[in-house]
Amino acid sequence: DLFYLDNKTIFLATINGIYIYNSLDQTITKIKGNFYANEHTQVIKKVGDYLLFGTKGKGVVVYSLRKKKTTSYYHQENSEMPNSINSIYSHGEKLYFGTNQGIFIYNFQNGLLKFETILNKNNGLSSNDILGIHIRDTVLFCITENKLNRINLNNPDIFAIPVPNTPDILGIKVNNKLFSNLNSIETDYDKNDIEIQFNS
């Protein structure tokens, strides 16, 4: 993941830590000297004057943009937060963390996270491995490896919508020429007529 802060600063989440790219002098520096210095970081989310970094093995770190340093950590050893964070969604003062153990909901104020609740398979989610979250009005949608889950936040009833099976593609016709090897289709830059043959 990456976060574009301004016309000179980009935060980069990598498999071995968090880096800051300065486009003015074209330098990359690593955020060092903390618990997360070499951790596989998957997600960057800006909330107010803070960046939240979600990692694959050590939970969440809160970074103050004003102070230019990490200010707090949340992981399985010091909080309810799981160690593996797949996604972060912000809605008002609440943060929704998609993890490998469900959706963890926290209140976020003044750079500090306060645990509120968990939504997981015990509440009716199709899986605890949450890949993405989005909220529209009072409905939270989350995607797992095989279903889209719809949750009414005012009355947490969960409705899991199955993701359709992937169709079997038999072949692709491009300008009336049939291709059975789908890994090597080349077309002109001009207009092309494409027909897909499949079983579903």
N, C-alpha and C. Protein backbone atom coordinates (compact mmCIF):
# COMPACT_ATOMS: atom_id res chain seq x y z
N ASP A 1 0.86 -1.18 0.00
CA ASP A 1 0.00 0.00 0.00
C ASP A 1 0.90 1.24 0.00
N LEU A 2 0.33 2.38 -0.35
CA LEU A 2 1.06 3.64 -0.23
C LEU A 2 0.09 4.74 0.12
N PHE A 3 0.62 5.82 0.73
CA PHE A 3 -0.20 6.97 1.06
C PHE A 3 0.52 8.23 0.59
N TYR A 4 -0.16 9.00 -0.27
CA TYR A 4 0.38 10.23 -0.83
C TYR A 4 -0.01 11.37 0.12
N LEU A 5 0.95 11.84 0.90
CA LEU A 5 0.65 12.87 1.90
C LEU A 5 0.53 14.25 1.28
N ASP A 6 1.52 14.63 0.46
CA ASP A 6 1.50 15.93 -0.20
C ASP A 6 2.37 15.83 -1.45
N ASN A 7 2.68 16.99 -2.05
CA ASN A 7 3.43 16.94 -3.31
C ASN A 7 4.89 16.55 -3.14
N LYS A 8 5.32 16.28 -1.93
CA LYS A 8 6.71 15.84 -1.75
C LYS A 8 6.86 14.56 -0.93
N THR A 9 5.81 14.11 -0.21
CA THR A 9 5.97 13.00 0.72
C THR A 9 5.01 11.87 0.42
N ILE A 10 5.56 10.67 0.24
CA ILE A 10 4.76 9.46 0.05
C ILE A 10 5.21 8.41 1.05
N PHE A 11 4.26 7.83 1.80
CA PHE A 11 4.54 6.73 2.71
C PHE A 11 4.35 5.42 1.96
N LEU A 12 5.31 4.50 2.10
CA LEU A 12 5.28 3.23 1.39
C LEU A 12 5.23 2.08 2.38
N ALA A 13 4.22 1.22 2.26
CA ALA A 13 4.12 0.02 3.09
C ALA A 13 4.75 -1.13 2.32
N THR A 14 5.72 -1.81 2.92
CA THR A 14 6.43 -2.88 2.22
C THR A 14 6.49 -4.13 3.09
N ILE A 15 7.08 -5.19 2.54
CA ILE A 15 7.18 -6.43 3.31
C ILE A 15 8.23 -6.36 4.41
N ASN A 16 9.06 -5.31 4.41
CA ASN A 16 10.06 -5.19 5.48
C ASN A 16 10.05 -3.81 6.13
N GLY A 17 8.85 -3.27 6.32
CA GLY A 17 8.75 -2.02 7.05
C GLY A 17 8.10 -0.90 6.26
N ILE A 18 8.15 0.29 6.84
CA ILE A 18 7.52 1.48 6.27
C ILE A 18 8.61 2.47 5.87
N TYR A 19 8.48 2.97 4.65
CA TYR A 19 9.45 3.92 4.11
C TYR A 19 8.76 5.23 3.76
N ILE A 20 9.53 6.31 3.80
CA ILE A 20 9.02 7.62 3.40
C ILE A 20 9.83 8.10 2.20
N TYR A 21 9.13 8.39 1.11
CA TYR A 21 9.78 8.89 -0.11
C TYR A 21 9.63 10.40 -0.16
N ASN A 22 10.76 11.11 -0.32
CA ASN A 22 10.77 12.55 -0.49
C ASN A 22 11.05 12.86 -1.96
N SER A 23 10.06 13.40 -2.66
CA SER A 23 10.21 13.63 -4.09
C SER A 23 11.08 14.84 -4.42
N LEU A 24 11.30 15.73 -3.44
CA LEU A 24 12.13 16.91 -3.70
C LEU A 24 13.60 16.52 -3.88
N ASP A 25 14.11 15.72 -2.94
CA ASP A 25 15.51 15.30 -3.08
C ASP A 25 15.62 13.83 -3.51
N GLN A 26 14.45 13.21 -3.82
CA GLN A 26 14.37 11.83 -4.32
C GLN A 26 15.11 10.84 -3.41
N THR A 27 14.80 10.93 -2.11
CA THR A 27 15.39 10.00 -1.14
C THR A 27 14.30 9.14 -0.52
N ILE A 28 14.69 7.95 -0.10
CA ILE A 28 13.78 7.06 0.61
C ILE A 28 14.41 6.75 1.96
N THR A 29 13.67 7.03 3.05
CA THR A 29 14.18 6.73 4.39
C THR A 29 13.20 5.79 5.08
N LYS A 30 13.73 4.92 5.89
CA LYS A 30 12.93 3.94 6.61
C LYS A 30 12.55 4.49 7.98
N ILE A 31 11.31 4.24 8.41
CA ILE A 31 10.92 4.56 9.77
C ILE A 31 11.58 3.51 10.66
N LYS A 32 12.50 3.94 11.49
CA LYS A 32 13.33 2.99 12.26
C LYS A 32 13.08 3.12 13.75
N GLY A 33 13.76 2.25 14.48
CA GLY A 33 13.83 2.37 15.93
C GLY A 33 12.54 2.10 16.66
N ASN A 34 11.70 1.23 16.13
CA ASN A 34 10.50 0.87 16.86
C ASN A 34 10.18 -0.60 16.65
N PHE A 35 9.17 -1.04 17.36
CA PHE A 35 8.72 -2.42 17.34
C PHE A 35 8.38 -2.91 15.93
N TYR A 36 8.00 -1.98 15.05
CA TYR A 36 7.52 -2.31 13.72
C TYR A 36 8.55 -2.09 12.62
N ALA A 37 9.75 -1.78 12.96
CA ALA A 37 10.75 -1.33 11.97
C ALA A 37 10.88 -2.26 10.78
N ASN A 38 10.83 -3.57 10.99
CA ASN A 38 11.02 -4.51 9.88
C ASN A 38 9.78 -5.34 9.59
N GLU A 39 8.62 -4.89 10.05
CA GLU A 39 7.41 -5.71 9.93
C GLU A 39 6.74 -5.55 8.57
N HIS A 40 6.21 -6.67 8.05
CA HIS A 40 5.44 -6.67 6.80
C HIS A 40 4.19 -5.82 7.00
N THR A 41 4.14 -4.68 6.32
CA THR A 41 3.04 -3.74 6.47
C THR A 41 2.15 -3.81 5.23
N GLN A 42 0.83 -3.98 5.44
CA GLN A 42 -0.09 -4.20 4.33
C GLN A 42 -0.99 -3.01 4.05
N VAL A 43 -1.34 -2.21 5.08
CA VAL A 43 -2.36 -1.18 4.93
C VAL A 43 -1.89 0.13 5.54
N ILE A 44 -2.19 1.24 4.86
CA ILE A 44 -1.98 2.58 5.42
C ILE A 44 -3.31 3.32 5.36
N LYS A 45 -3.74 3.89 6.50
CA LYS A 45 -5.00 4.64 6.53
C LYS A 45 -4.78 5.94 7.28
N LYS A 46 -5.16 7.08 6.65
CA LYS A 46 -5.06 8.39 7.31
C LYS A 46 -6.36 8.68 8.03
N VAL A 47 -6.24 9.05 9.31
CA VAL A 47 -7.39 9.45 10.11
C VAL A 47 -6.97 10.70 10.87
N GLY A 48 -7.52 11.85 10.47
CA GLY A 48 -7.14 13.11 11.10
C GLY A 48 -5.66 13.39 10.88
N ASP A 49 -4.94 13.67 11.97
CA ASP A 49 -3.50 13.96 11.90
C ASP A 49 -2.65 12.71 12.12
N TYR A 50 -3.23 11.54 11.90
CA TYR A 50 -2.52 10.29 12.16
C TYR A 50 -2.57 9.37 10.95
N LEU A 51 -1.55 8.53 10.84
CA LEU A 51 -1.57 7.41 9.91
C LEU A 51 -1.62 6.14 10.74
N LEU A 52 -2.45 5.20 10.32
CA LEU A 52 -2.49 3.89 10.96
C LEU A 52 -1.90 2.88 9.98
N PHE A 53 -0.94 2.10 10.45
CA PHE A 53 -0.30 1.09 9.63
C PHE A 53 -0.78 -0.28 10.11
N GLY A 54 -1.38 -1.05 9.22
CA GLY A 54 -1.81 -2.40 9.54
C GLY A 54 -0.77 -3.39 9.05
N THR A 55 -0.32 -4.28 9.94
CA THR A 55 0.75 -5.20 9.59
C THR A 55 0.22 -6.63 9.48
N LYS A 56 1.08 -7.49 8.96
CA LYS A 56 0.71 -8.89 8.79
C LYS A 56 0.98 -9.72 10.04
N GLY A 57 1.82 -9.22 10.95
CA GLY A 57 2.17 -10.04 12.10
C GLY A 57 2.22 -9.34 13.44
N LYS A 58 2.05 -7.99 13.46
CA LYS A 58 2.17 -7.29 14.73
C LYS A 58 1.10 -6.21 14.91
N GLY A 59 -0.09 -6.43 14.36
CA GLY A 59 -1.20 -5.54 14.62
C GLY A 59 -1.11 -4.19 13.96
N VAL A 60 -1.38 -3.14 14.74
CA VAL A 60 -1.51 -1.77 14.22
C VAL A 60 -0.55 -0.84 14.94
N VAL A 61 0.06 0.06 14.18
CA VAL A 61 0.86 1.14 14.76
C VAL A 61 0.21 2.47 14.39
N VAL A 62 0.18 3.39 15.33
CA VAL A 62 -0.35 4.73 15.11
C VAL A 62 0.83 5.69 14.97
N TYR A 63 0.86 6.44 13.88
CA TYR A 63 1.95 7.36 13.57
C TYR A 63 1.39 8.78 13.54
N SER A 64 1.98 9.69 14.31
CA SER A 64 1.55 11.08 14.34
C SER A 64 2.24 11.86 13.22
N LEU A 65 1.45 12.43 12.33
CA LEU A 65 2.01 13.25 11.25
C LEU A 65 2.58 14.55 11.80
N ARG A 66 1.98 15.05 12.87
CA ARG A 66 2.46 16.31 13.46
C ARG A 66 3.80 16.10 14.17
N LYS A 67 3.90 15.00 14.95
CA LYS A 67 5.13 14.73 15.69
C LYS A 67 6.16 13.97 14.86
N LYS A 68 5.72 13.41 13.72
CA LYS A 68 6.59 12.63 12.83
C LYS A 68 7.23 11.45 13.54
N LYS A 69 6.38 10.73 14.29
CA LYS A 69 6.87 9.53 14.97
C LYS A 69 5.70 8.63 15.34
N THR A 70 6.01 7.36 15.62
CA THR A 70 4.98 6.45 16.09
C THR A 70 4.63 6.80 17.53
N THR A 71 3.33 6.73 17.86
CA THR A 71 2.90 7.14 19.19
C THR A 71 2.27 6.01 19.99
N SER A 72 1.74 4.98 19.32
CA SER A 72 1.18 3.84 20.06
C SER A 72 1.11 2.61 19.18
N TYR A 73 1.00 1.45 19.85
CA TYR A 73 0.96 0.15 19.18
C TYR A 73 -0.19 -0.67 19.74
N TYR A 74 -0.82 -1.44 18.88
CA TYR A 74 -1.91 -2.31 19.32
C TYR A 74 -1.73 -3.67 18.64
N HIS A 75 -1.56 -4.71 19.46
CA HIS A 75 -1.37 -6.07 18.94
C HIS A 75 -1.90 -7.04 19.98
N GLN A 76 -1.83 -8.33 19.66
CA GLN A 76 -2.42 -9.35 20.52
C GLN A 76 -1.84 -9.39 21.92
N GLU A 77 -0.60 -8.95 22.08
CA GLU A 77 0.05 -9.04 23.38
C GLU A 77 -0.35 -7.90 24.32
N ASN A 78 -0.84 -6.77 23.76
CA ASN A 78 -1.17 -5.65 24.66
C ASN A 78 -2.61 -5.14 24.52
N SER A 79 -3.43 -5.80 23.69
CA SER A 79 -4.81 -5.34 23.48
C SER A 79 -5.63 -6.47 22.86
N GLU A 80 -6.86 -6.16 22.50
CA GLU A 80 -7.72 -7.13 21.82
C GLU A 80 -7.37 -7.26 20.34
N MET A 81 -6.56 -6.35 19.82
CA MET A 81 -6.26 -6.29 18.39
C MET A 81 -5.51 -7.54 17.91
N PRO A 82 -6.01 -8.22 16.88
CA PRO A 82 -5.25 -9.34 16.31
C PRO A 82 -3.95 -8.85 15.67
N ASN A 83 -3.06 -9.78 15.41
CA ASN A 83 -1.76 -9.41 14.84
C ASN A 83 -1.79 -9.21 13.32
N SER A 84 -2.76 -9.81 12.63
CA SER A 84 -2.80 -9.72 11.17
C SER A 84 -3.95 -8.82 10.73
N ILE A 85 -3.60 -7.70 10.09
CA ILE A 85 -4.58 -6.69 9.67
C ILE A 85 -4.64 -6.68 8.14
N ASN A 86 -5.83 -6.95 7.59
CA ASN A 86 -6.01 -6.96 6.13
C ASN A 86 -6.53 -5.65 5.58
N SER A 87 -7.35 -4.93 6.35
CA SER A 87 -7.94 -3.68 5.87
C SER A 87 -8.33 -2.81 7.05
N ILE A 88 -8.42 -1.49 6.78
CA ILE A 88 -8.84 -0.53 7.80
C ILE A 88 -9.86 0.40 7.15
N TYR A 89 -11.00 0.59 7.81
CA TYR A 89 -12.03 1.49 7.29
C TYR A 89 -12.42 2.47 8.38
N SER A 90 -12.50 3.75 8.01
CA SER A 90 -12.83 4.81 8.96
C SER A 90 -14.24 5.30 8.70
N HIS A 91 -15.02 5.44 9.78
CA HIS A 91 -16.40 5.93 9.66
C HIS A 91 -16.70 6.75 10.91
N GLY A 92 -16.66 8.08 10.78
CA GLY A 92 -16.83 8.94 11.95
C GLY A 92 -15.66 8.74 12.90
N GLU A 93 -15.95 8.53 14.17
CA GLU A 93 -14.89 8.30 15.16
C GLU A 93 -14.58 6.81 15.32
N LYS A 94 -15.24 5.98 14.55
CA LYS A 94 -15.02 4.54 14.65
C LYS A 94 -14.09 4.06 13.55
N LEU A 95 -13.24 3.10 13.91
CA LEU A 95 -12.37 2.43 12.95
C LEU A 95 -12.73 0.96 12.93
N TYR A 96 -12.81 0.42 11.73
CA TYR A 96 -13.16 -0.98 11.50
C TYR A 96 -11.94 -1.68 10.93
N PHE A 97 -11.42 -2.65 11.65
CA PHE A 97 -10.23 -3.37 11.23
C PHE A 97 -10.64 -4.75 10.70
N GLY A 98 -10.36 -4.99 9.42
CA GLY A 98 -10.58 -6.31 8.84
C GLY A 98 -9.38 -7.17 9.14
N THR A 99 -9.59 -8.26 9.86
CA THR A 99 -8.48 -9.09 10.34
C THR A 99 -8.73 -10.55 9.96
N ASN A 100 -7.83 -11.41 10.40
CA ASN A 100 -8.02 -12.85 10.20
C ASN A 100 -8.88 -13.46 11.31
N GLN A 101 -9.40 -12.60 12.21
CA GLN A 101 -10.26 -13.07 13.31
C GLN A 101 -11.61 -12.35 13.33
N GLY A 102 -11.95 -11.67 12.23
CA GLY A 102 -13.21 -10.94 12.15
C GLY A 102 -12.99 -9.45 12.02
N ILE A 103 -14.07 -8.69 12.26
CA ILE A 103 -14.01 -7.22 12.21
C ILE A 103 -13.90 -6.70 13.65
N PHE A 104 -12.82 -5.98 13.91
CA PHE A 104 -12.62 -5.41 15.24
C PHE A 104 -12.94 -3.91 15.16
N ILE A 105 -13.86 -3.47 16.01
CA ILE A 105 -14.34 -2.08 15.96
C ILE A 105 -13.77 -1.33 17.16
N TYR A 106 -13.14 -0.19 16.85
CA TYR A 106 -12.52 0.65 17.87
C TYR A 106 -13.02 2.08 17.73
N ASN A 107 -13.03 2.79 18.84
CA ASN A 107 -13.23 4.23 18.82
C ASN A 107 -11.85 4.87 18.76
N PHE A 108 -11.68 5.92 17.95
CA PHE A 108 -10.37 6.55 17.78
C PHE A 108 -10.47 8.03 18.12
N GLN A 109 -9.77 8.45 19.18
CA GLN A 109 -9.73 9.86 19.57
C GLN A 109 -8.35 10.20 20.09
N ASN A 110 -7.85 11.35 19.67
CA ASN A 110 -6.56 11.87 20.14
C ASN A 110 -5.43 10.86 19.95
N GLY A 111 -5.49 10.11 18.88
CA GLY A 111 -4.42 9.17 18.58
C GLY A 111 -4.46 7.87 19.35
N LEU A 112 -5.55 7.64 20.11
CA LEU A 112 -5.65 6.42 20.90
C LEU A 112 -6.86 5.60 20.47
N LEU A 113 -6.67 4.28 20.43
CA LEU A 113 -7.73 3.35 20.08
C LEU A 113 -8.36 2.78 21.34
N LYS A 114 -9.71 2.78 21.37
CA LYS A 114 -10.43 2.18 22.49
C LYS A 114 -11.35 1.10 21.92
N PHE A 115 -11.13 -0.13 22.38
CA PHE A 115 -11.87 -1.28 21.87
C PHE A 115 -13.36 -1.17 22.18
N GLU A 116 -14.20 -1.53 21.15
CA GLU A 116 -15.65 -1.54 21.36
C GLU A 116 -16.25 -2.94 21.22
N THR A 117 -16.07 -3.56 20.05
CA THR A 117 -16.69 -4.88 19.86
C THR A 117 -16.05 -5.62 18.69
N ILE A 118 -16.49 -6.86 18.51
CA ILE A 118 -16.01 -7.72 17.43
C ILE A 118 -17.23 -8.28 16.67
N LEU A 119 -17.12 -8.33 15.35
CA LEU A 119 -18.08 -9.07 14.53
C LEU A 119 -17.30 -10.22 13.90
N ASN A 120 -17.80 -11.46 14.07
CA ASN A 120 -17.10 -12.62 13.52
C ASN A 120 -18.10 -13.73 13.19
N LYS A 121 -17.60 -14.93 13.00
CA LYS A 121 -18.49 -16.05 12.65
C LYS A 121 -19.54 -16.32 13.72
N ASN A 122 -19.23 -16.00 14.95
CA ASN A 122 -20.21 -16.18 16.03
C ASN A 122 -21.42 -15.28 15.85
N ASN A 123 -21.23 -14.14 15.15
CA ASN A 123 -22.35 -13.23 14.87
C ASN A 123 -23.01 -13.54 13.53
N GLY A 124 -22.47 -14.52 12.77
CA GLY A 124 -23.07 -14.88 11.50
C GLY A 124 -22.26 -14.55 10.26
N LEU A 125 -21.05 -13.97 10.43
CA LEU A 125 -20.21 -13.74 9.26
C LEU A 125 -19.86 -15.07 8.61
N SER A 126 -19.69 -15.05 7.29
CA SER A 126 -19.40 -16.29 6.57
C SER A 126 -17.99 -16.79 6.86
N SER A 127 -17.09 -15.90 7.28
CA SER A 127 -15.71 -16.27 7.59
C SER A 127 -15.12 -15.19 8.49
N ASN A 128 -14.09 -15.55 9.27
CA ASN A 128 -13.40 -14.56 10.09
C ASN A 128 -12.32 -13.81 9.32
N ASP A 129 -11.95 -14.29 8.14
CA ASP A 129 -10.87 -13.68 7.35
C ASP A 129 -11.45 -12.56 6.50
N ILE A 130 -11.37 -11.33 6.97
CA ILE A 130 -12.00 -10.17 6.33
C ILE A 130 -11.00 -9.50 5.40
N LEU A 131 -11.37 -9.41 4.12
CA LEU A 131 -10.45 -8.86 3.11
C LEU A 131 -10.71 -7.39 2.82
N GLY A 132 -11.94 -6.93 2.99
CA GLY A 132 -12.25 -5.53 2.70
C GLY A 132 -13.55 -5.12 3.37
N ILE A 133 -13.66 -3.81 3.70
CA ILE A 133 -14.83 -3.27 4.40
C ILE A 133 -15.25 -1.96 3.74
N HIS A 134 -16.57 -1.76 3.64
CA HIS A 134 -17.10 -0.47 3.18
C HIS A 134 -18.43 -0.23 3.89
N ILE A 135 -18.70 1.02 4.26
CA ILE A 135 -19.96 1.36 4.91
C ILE A 135 -20.70 2.38 4.04
N ARG A 136 -21.99 2.10 3.81
CA ARG A 136 -22.85 3.05 3.12
C ARG A 136 -24.09 3.25 3.97
N ASP A 137 -24.35 4.50 4.34
CA ASP A 137 -25.43 4.82 5.27
C ASP A 137 -25.22 4.02 6.56
N THR A 138 -26.12 3.13 6.90
CA THR A 138 -25.96 2.34 8.14
C THR A 138 -25.68 0.87 7.84
N VAL A 139 -25.24 0.59 6.62
CA VAL A 139 -24.98 -0.80 6.23
C VAL A 139 -23.49 -1.00 5.99
N LEU A 140 -22.93 -1.99 6.68
CA LEU A 140 -21.53 -2.35 6.49
C LEU A 140 -21.47 -3.56 5.57
N PHE A 141 -20.64 -3.45 4.53
CA PHE A 141 -20.38 -4.56 3.63
C PHE A 141 -18.95 -5.03 3.89
N CYS A 142 -18.76 -6.33 3.98
CA CYS A 142 -17.40 -6.85 4.08
C CYS A 142 -17.28 -8.08 3.19
N ILE A 143 -16.09 -8.22 2.61
CA ILE A 143 -15.84 -9.34 1.72
C ILE A 143 -14.91 -10.33 2.40
N THR A 144 -15.26 -11.60 2.31
CA THR A 144 -14.39 -12.67 2.77
C THR A 144 -13.89 -13.40 1.53
N GLU A 145 -13.24 -14.55 1.71
CA GLU A 145 -12.70 -15.24 0.54
C GLU A 145 -13.79 -15.80 -0.36
N ASN A 146 -15.03 -15.93 0.14
CA ASN A 146 -16.06 -16.52 -0.70
C ASN A 146 -17.44 -15.88 -0.61
N LYS A 147 -17.59 -14.85 0.21
CA LYS A 147 -18.91 -14.24 0.33
C LYS A 147 -18.82 -12.75 0.59
N LEU A 148 -19.88 -12.05 0.18
CA LEU A 148 -20.08 -10.66 0.54
C LEU A 148 -21.07 -10.66 1.69
N ASN A 149 -20.70 -10.06 2.82
CA ASN A 149 -21.56 -10.01 4.00
C ASN A 149 -22.14 -8.61 4.14
N ARG A 150 -23.45 -8.55 4.44
CA ARG A 150 -24.15 -7.28 4.61
C ARG A 150 -24.62 -7.19 6.05
N ILE A 151 -24.21 -6.11 6.74
CA ILE A 151 -24.51 -5.98 8.17
C ILE A 151 -25.20 -4.64 8.40
N ASN A 152 -26.39 -4.69 9.00
CA ASN A 152 -27.09 -3.48 9.41
C ASN A 152 -26.50 -3.03 10.74
N LEU A 153 -25.82 -1.88 10.77
CA LEU A 153 -25.13 -1.45 11.99
C LEU A 153 -26.09 -1.03 13.09
N ASN A 154 -27.29 -0.61 12.73
CA ASN A 154 -28.28 -0.25 13.75
C ASN A 154 -28.89 -1.48 14.42
N ASN A 155 -28.89 -2.59 13.70
CA ASN A 155 -29.44 -3.84 14.22
C ASN A 155 -28.60 -4.96 13.63
N PRO A 156 -27.49 -5.32 14.29
CA PRO A 156 -26.49 -6.18 13.65
C PRO A 156 -26.97 -7.56 13.21
N ASP A 157 -27.88 -7.57 12.21
CA ASP A 157 -28.21 -8.82 11.56
C ASP A 157 -27.30 -8.96 10.34
N ILE A 158 -26.79 -10.14 10.13
CA ILE A 158 -25.81 -10.34 9.06
C ILE A 158 -26.41 -11.22 7.99
N PHE A 159 -26.28 -10.76 6.76
CA PHE A 159 -26.78 -11.51 5.63
C PHE A 159 -25.62 -11.77 4.68
N ALA A 160 -25.27 -13.03 4.49
CA ALA A 160 -24.13 -13.39 3.64
C ALA A 160 -24.62 -13.67 2.23
N ILE A 161 -24.02 -12.99 1.26
CA ILE A 161 -24.38 -13.14 -0.14
C ILE A 161 -23.29 -13.97 -0.82
N PRO A 162 -23.61 -15.17 -1.34
CA PRO A 162 -22.56 -15.97 -1.97
C PRO A 162 -21.99 -15.30 -3.21
N VAL A 163 -20.68 -15.39 -3.37
CA VAL A 163 -20.03 -14.92 -4.58
C VAL A 163 -20.25 -15.97 -5.66
N PRO A 164 -20.71 -15.60 -6.87
CA PRO A 164 -20.97 -16.60 -7.90
C PRO A 164 -19.71 -17.40 -8.25
N ASN A 165 -19.92 -18.66 -8.62
CA ASN A 165 -18.80 -19.48 -9.08
C ASN A 165 -18.21 -18.88 -10.34
N THR A 166 -16.91 -19.00 -10.48
CA THR A 166 -16.25 -18.50 -11.68
C THR A 166 -16.65 -19.37 -12.86
N PRO A 167 -17.09 -18.77 -13.98
CA PRO A 167 -17.45 -19.58 -15.14
C PRO A 167 -16.22 -20.23 -15.77
N ASP A 168 -16.45 -21.38 -16.42
CA ASP A 168 -15.38 -22.04 -17.17
C ASP A 168 -15.31 -21.40 -18.55
N ILE A 169 -14.19 -20.75 -18.85
CA ILE A 169 -14.03 -20.12 -20.17
C ILE A 169 -13.54 -21.18 -21.15
N LEU A 170 -14.30 -21.39 -22.20
CA LEU A 170 -13.97 -22.39 -23.21
C LEU A 170 -13.04 -21.84 -24.27
N GLY A 171 -13.25 -20.60 -24.60
CA GLY A 171 -12.42 -19.98 -25.63
C GLY A 171 -12.80 -18.53 -25.83
N ILE A 172 -11.94 -17.82 -26.51
CA ILE A 172 -12.20 -16.41 -26.81
C ILE A 172 -11.98 -16.20 -28.30
N LYS A 173 -12.97 -15.57 -28.95
CA LYS A 173 -12.85 -15.22 -30.36
C LYS A 173 -12.52 -13.74 -30.45
N VAL A 174 -11.46 -13.44 -31.17
CA VAL A 174 -11.09 -12.05 -31.43
C VAL A 174 -11.11 -11.87 -32.94
N ASN A 175 -12.01 -11.02 -33.42
CA ASN A 175 -12.17 -10.78 -34.86
C ASN A 175 -12.36 -12.11 -35.60
N ASN A 176 -13.25 -12.98 -35.03
CA ASN A 176 -13.61 -14.29 -35.60
C ASN A 176 -12.49 -15.31 -35.57
N LYS A 177 -11.40 -15.04 -34.87
CA LYS A 177 -10.32 -16.02 -34.72
C LYS A 177 -10.42 -16.58 -33.30
N LEU A 178 -10.54 -17.94 -33.20
CA LEU A 178 -10.72 -18.58 -31.91
C LEU A 178 -9.37 -18.83 -31.24
N PHE A 179 -9.27 -18.42 -29.96
CA PHE A 179 -8.07 -18.67 -29.15
C PHE A 179 -8.45 -19.63 -28.03
N SER A 180 -7.72 -20.74 -27.93
CA SER A 180 -7.96 -21.66 -26.81
C SER A 180 -6.89 -21.48 -25.73
N ASN A 181 -5.72 -20.96 -26.10
CA ASN A 181 -4.68 -20.64 -25.12
C ASN A 181 -4.92 -19.21 -24.66
N LEU A 182 -5.52 -19.07 -23.48
CA LEU A 182 -5.94 -17.75 -23.01
C LEU A 182 -4.78 -16.92 -22.47
N ASN A 183 -3.59 -17.49 -22.40
CA ASN A 183 -2.43 -16.75 -21.88
C ASN A 183 -1.68 -16.00 -22.97
N SER A 184 -2.08 -16.18 -24.22
CA SER A 184 -1.28 -15.54 -25.28
C SER A 184 -2.18 -14.96 -26.36
N ILE A 185 -3.06 -14.04 -25.97
CA ILE A 185 -3.93 -13.38 -26.94
C ILE A 185 -3.39 -11.99 -27.22
N GLU A 186 -3.14 -11.71 -28.48
CA GLU A 186 -2.67 -10.39 -28.87
C GLU A 186 -3.68 -9.77 -29.82
N THR A 187 -3.93 -8.48 -29.65
CA THR A 187 -4.86 -7.78 -30.53
C THR A 187 -4.20 -6.52 -31.06
N ASP A 188 -4.80 -5.99 -32.11
CA ASP A 188 -4.33 -4.71 -32.65
C ASP A 188 -4.85 -3.60 -31.75
N TYR A 189 -4.31 -2.41 -31.94
CA TYR A 189 -4.79 -1.27 -31.17
C TYR A 189 -6.09 -0.72 -31.74
N ASP A 190 -6.47 -1.18 -32.94
CA ASP A 190 -7.72 -0.75 -33.54
C ASP A 190 -8.89 -1.41 -32.84
N LYS A 191 -10.08 -1.15 -33.33
CA LYS A 191 -11.29 -1.76 -32.79
C LYS A 191 -11.25 -3.27 -32.99
N ASN A 192 -11.63 -4.02 -31.93
CA ASN A 192 -11.65 -5.47 -31.99
C ASN A 192 -13.02 -5.98 -31.57
N ASP A 193 -13.52 -7.00 -32.28
CA ASP A 193 -14.75 -7.69 -31.88
C ASP A 193 -14.33 -8.90 -31.05
N ILE A 194 -14.79 -8.94 -29.80
CA ILE A 194 -14.39 -10.02 -28.90
C ILE A 194 -15.63 -10.78 -28.44
N GLU A 195 -15.56 -12.11 -28.53
CA GLU A 195 -16.65 -12.97 -28.10
C GLU A 195 -16.06 -14.00 -27.12
N ILE A 196 -16.69 -14.14 -25.96
CA ILE A 196 -16.21 -15.09 -24.94
C ILE A 196 -17.19 -16.27 -24.87
N GLN A 197 -16.65 -17.49 -25.00
CA GLN A 197 -17.47 -18.69 -24.89
C GLN A 197 -17.20 -19.32 -23.54
N PHE A 198 -18.29 -19.60 -22.77
CA PHE A 198 -18.07 -20.12 -21.42
C PHE A 198 -19.25 -20.98 -20.98
N ASN A 199 -18.99 -21.82 -19.97
CA ASN A 199 -20.04 -22.56 -19.26
C ASN A 199 -20.17 -21.96 -17.88
N SER A 200 -21.39 -21.76 -17.41
CA SER A 200 -21.58 -21.20 -16.08
C SER A 200 -22.64 -21.99 -15.35
